């Protein structure tokens, strides 16, 4: 994989209807993370790193915040405890209250992450973030 491959992949992605620059940026961040991990673990030579030349570009997106009145309605919803809907609602609320923490990171939290009744979370310390 090299700079030319990354540019061709970007062009291919953007040539498809509905694909966006921010979409290709998500793929590129994953590739960059894999490369960084490979370099760190001695599997890839630093000189082969294609991201020295390639810049991941993004565009600003419109804010899509939900009105607080809807959050309150979801919070106050009476659901059968233990039902799927009960759990889904709670997953949504905890994600909202944790400022959008990815579910995979929430699933990786341990009791050690709770300090003085607060969740202490550093994304770079979650061991399964980068495969």
Protein backbone atom coordinates (compact mmCIF):
# COMPACT_ATOMS: atom_id res chain seq x y z
CA UNK A 1 0.00 0.00 0.00
CA UNK A 2 1.37 3.42 -0.94
CA UNK A 3 0.32 7.02 -1.56
CA UNK A 4 -0.97 6.23 -5.08
CA UNK A 5 -3.12 3.39 -3.72
CA UNK A 6 -4.62 5.72 -1.10
CA UNK A 7 -5.43 8.36 -3.72
CA UNK A 8 -7.00 5.75 -6.04
CA UNK A 9 -9.03 4.33 -3.15
CA UNK A 10 -10.24 7.84 -2.28
CA UNK A 11 -11.27 8.49 -5.91
CA UNK A 12 -13.00 5.10 -6.16
CA UNK A 13 -14.92 5.70 -2.94
CA UNK A 14 -16.00 9.19 -3.97
CA UNK A 15 -17.12 7.97 -7.42
CA UNK A 16 -19.96 5.97 -5.83
CA UNK A 17 -23.30 7.71 -5.28
CA UNK A 18 -23.91 8.64 -1.67
CA UNK A 19 -20.30 8.32 -0.54
CA UNK A 20 -18.71 11.36 1.07
CA UNK A 21 -15.30 12.73 1.90
CA UNK A 22 -16.01 12.12 5.58
CA UNK A 23 -16.87 8.50 4.79
CA UNK A 24 -13.55 7.89 3.07
CA UNK A 25 -11.83 9.69 5.98
CA UNK A 26 -13.26 7.08 8.38
CA UNK A 27 -11.73 4.26 6.30
CA UNK A 28 -8.42 6.10 6.06
CA UNK A 29 -8.24 6.61 9.84
CA UNK A 30 -8.64 2.85 10.29
CA UNK A 31 -5.87 2.13 7.75
CA UNK A 32 -3.64 4.72 9.41
CA UNK A 33 -4.24 3.15 12.84
CA UNK A 34 -3.36 -0.30 11.48
CA UNK A 35 -0.17 1.07 9.92
CA UNK A 36 0.78 2.85 13.15
CA UNK A 37 0.26 -0.33 15.13
CA UNK A 38 2.26 -2.33 12.58
CA UNK A 39 5.16 0.12 12.80
CA UNK A 40 5.03 0.13 16.60
CA UNK A 41 5.14 -3.68 16.68
CA UNK A 42 7.97 -3.87 14.13
CA UNK A 43 5.85 -5.51 11.42
CA UNK A 44 6.14 -2.61 8.94
CA UNK A 45 9.10 -0.38 8.15
CA UNK A 46 8.55 3.29 9.01
CA UNK A 47 9.78 4.22 5.52
CA UNK A 48 6.80 2.36 3.98
CA UNK A 49 4.30 4.62 5.81
CA UNK A 50 2.05 6.14 3.10
CA UNK A 51 0.46 8.73 5.39
CA UNK A 52 3.53 10.97 5.39
CA UNK A 53 2.30 12.29 2.05
CA UNK A 54 -1.43 11.56 2.18
CA UNK A 55 -3.56 13.93 4.24
CA UNK A 56 -6.92 12.70 5.52
CA UNK A 57 -9.46 15.38 4.59
CA UNK A 58 -12.87 16.01 6.15
CA UNK A 59 -15.68 18.49 5.75
CA UNK A 60 -17.63 20.07 8.62
CA UNK A 61 -20.99 18.44 9.19
CA UNK A 62 -24.25 19.99 10.25
CA UNK A 63 -25.09 19.56 13.93
CA UNK A 64 -27.76 16.92 14.43
CA UNK A 65 -28.47 17.35 18.12
CA UNK A 66 -31.71 15.98 19.51
CA UNK A 67 -33.87 18.46 21.38
CA UNK A 68 -33.61 17.97 25.16
CA UNK A 69 -37.40 17.54 25.46
CA UNK A 70 -37.12 14.27 23.50
CA UNK A 71 -34.28 13.05 25.71
CA UNK A 72 -36.45 13.75 28.76
CA UNK A 73 -39.35 11.82 27.22
CA UNK A 74 -37.09 8.84 26.55
CA UNK A 75 -35.71 9.07 30.10
CA UNK A 76 -39.20 9.08 31.61
CA UNK A 77 -40.54 6.26 29.43
CA UNK A 78 -42.09 3.48 31.50
CA UNK A 79 -40.79 0.18 30.15
CA UNK A 80 -40.96 -3.36 31.46
CA UNK A 81 -37.77 -3.88 33.42
CA UNK A 82 -35.56 -6.44 31.73
CA UNK A 83 -37.28 -6.15 28.33
CA UNK A 84 -35.22 -5.55 25.19
CA UNK A 85 -36.67 -2.05 24.85
CA UNK A 86 -35.72 -1.32 28.48
CA UNK A 87 -32.10 -2.28 27.76
CA UNK A 88 -31.95 -0.47 24.40
CA UNK A 89 -33.25 2.70 26.02
CA UNK A 90 -30.64 2.40 28.79
CA UNK A 91 -27.81 1.82 26.28
CA UNK A 92 -28.90 4.94 24.41
CA UNK A 93 -29.13 7.01 27.60
CA UNK A 94 -25.73 5.93 28.93
CA UNK A 95 -24.17 6.67 25.53
CA UNK A 96 -25.83 10.10 25.57
CA UNK A 97 -24.72 10.77 29.13
CA UNK A 98 -21.17 9.69 28.29
CA UNK A 99 -21.03 12.19 25.43
CA UNK A 100 -21.31 9.61 22.65
CA UNK A 101 -18.73 7.11 23.88
CA UNK A 102 -18.60 4.28 21.32
CA UNK A 103 -20.44 1.15 22.46
CA UNK A 104 -17.32 -0.99 21.98
CA UNK A 105 -15.49 1.25 24.48
CA UNK A 106 -18.38 1.05 26.95
CA UNK A 107 -18.36 -2.73 26.64
CA UNK A 108 -14.62 -2.70 27.42
CA UNK A 109 -14.95 -0.72 30.66
CA UNK A 110 -13.96 -2.47 33.87
CA UNK A 111 -14.87 -1.79 37.51
CA UNK A 112 -11.43 -0.13 37.79
CA UNK A 113 -12.79 2.61 35.50
CA UNK A 114 -15.14 3.73 38.28
CA UNK A 115 -13.32 6.06 40.67
CA UNK A 116 -15.21 8.05 43.32
CA UNK A 117 -18.53 7.21 41.62
CA UNK A 118 -17.27 8.56 38.28
CA UNK A 119 -16.29 6.73 35.10
CA UNK A 120 -12.69 7.47 34.22
CA UNK A 121 -12.19 6.81 30.53
CA UNK A 122 -9.25 7.40 28.21
CA UNK A 123 -9.88 6.09 24.65
CA UNK A 124 -6.22 5.23 24.13
CA UNK A 125 -6.25 2.87 27.14
CA UNK A 126 -9.06 0.65 25.84
CA UNK A 127 -7.19 -2.43 24.66
CA UNK A 128 -9.46 -3.55 21.81
CA UNK A 129 -9.87 -0.21 20.01
CA UNK A 130 -7.31 -0.98 17.30
CA UNK A 131 -7.41 -4.47 15.82
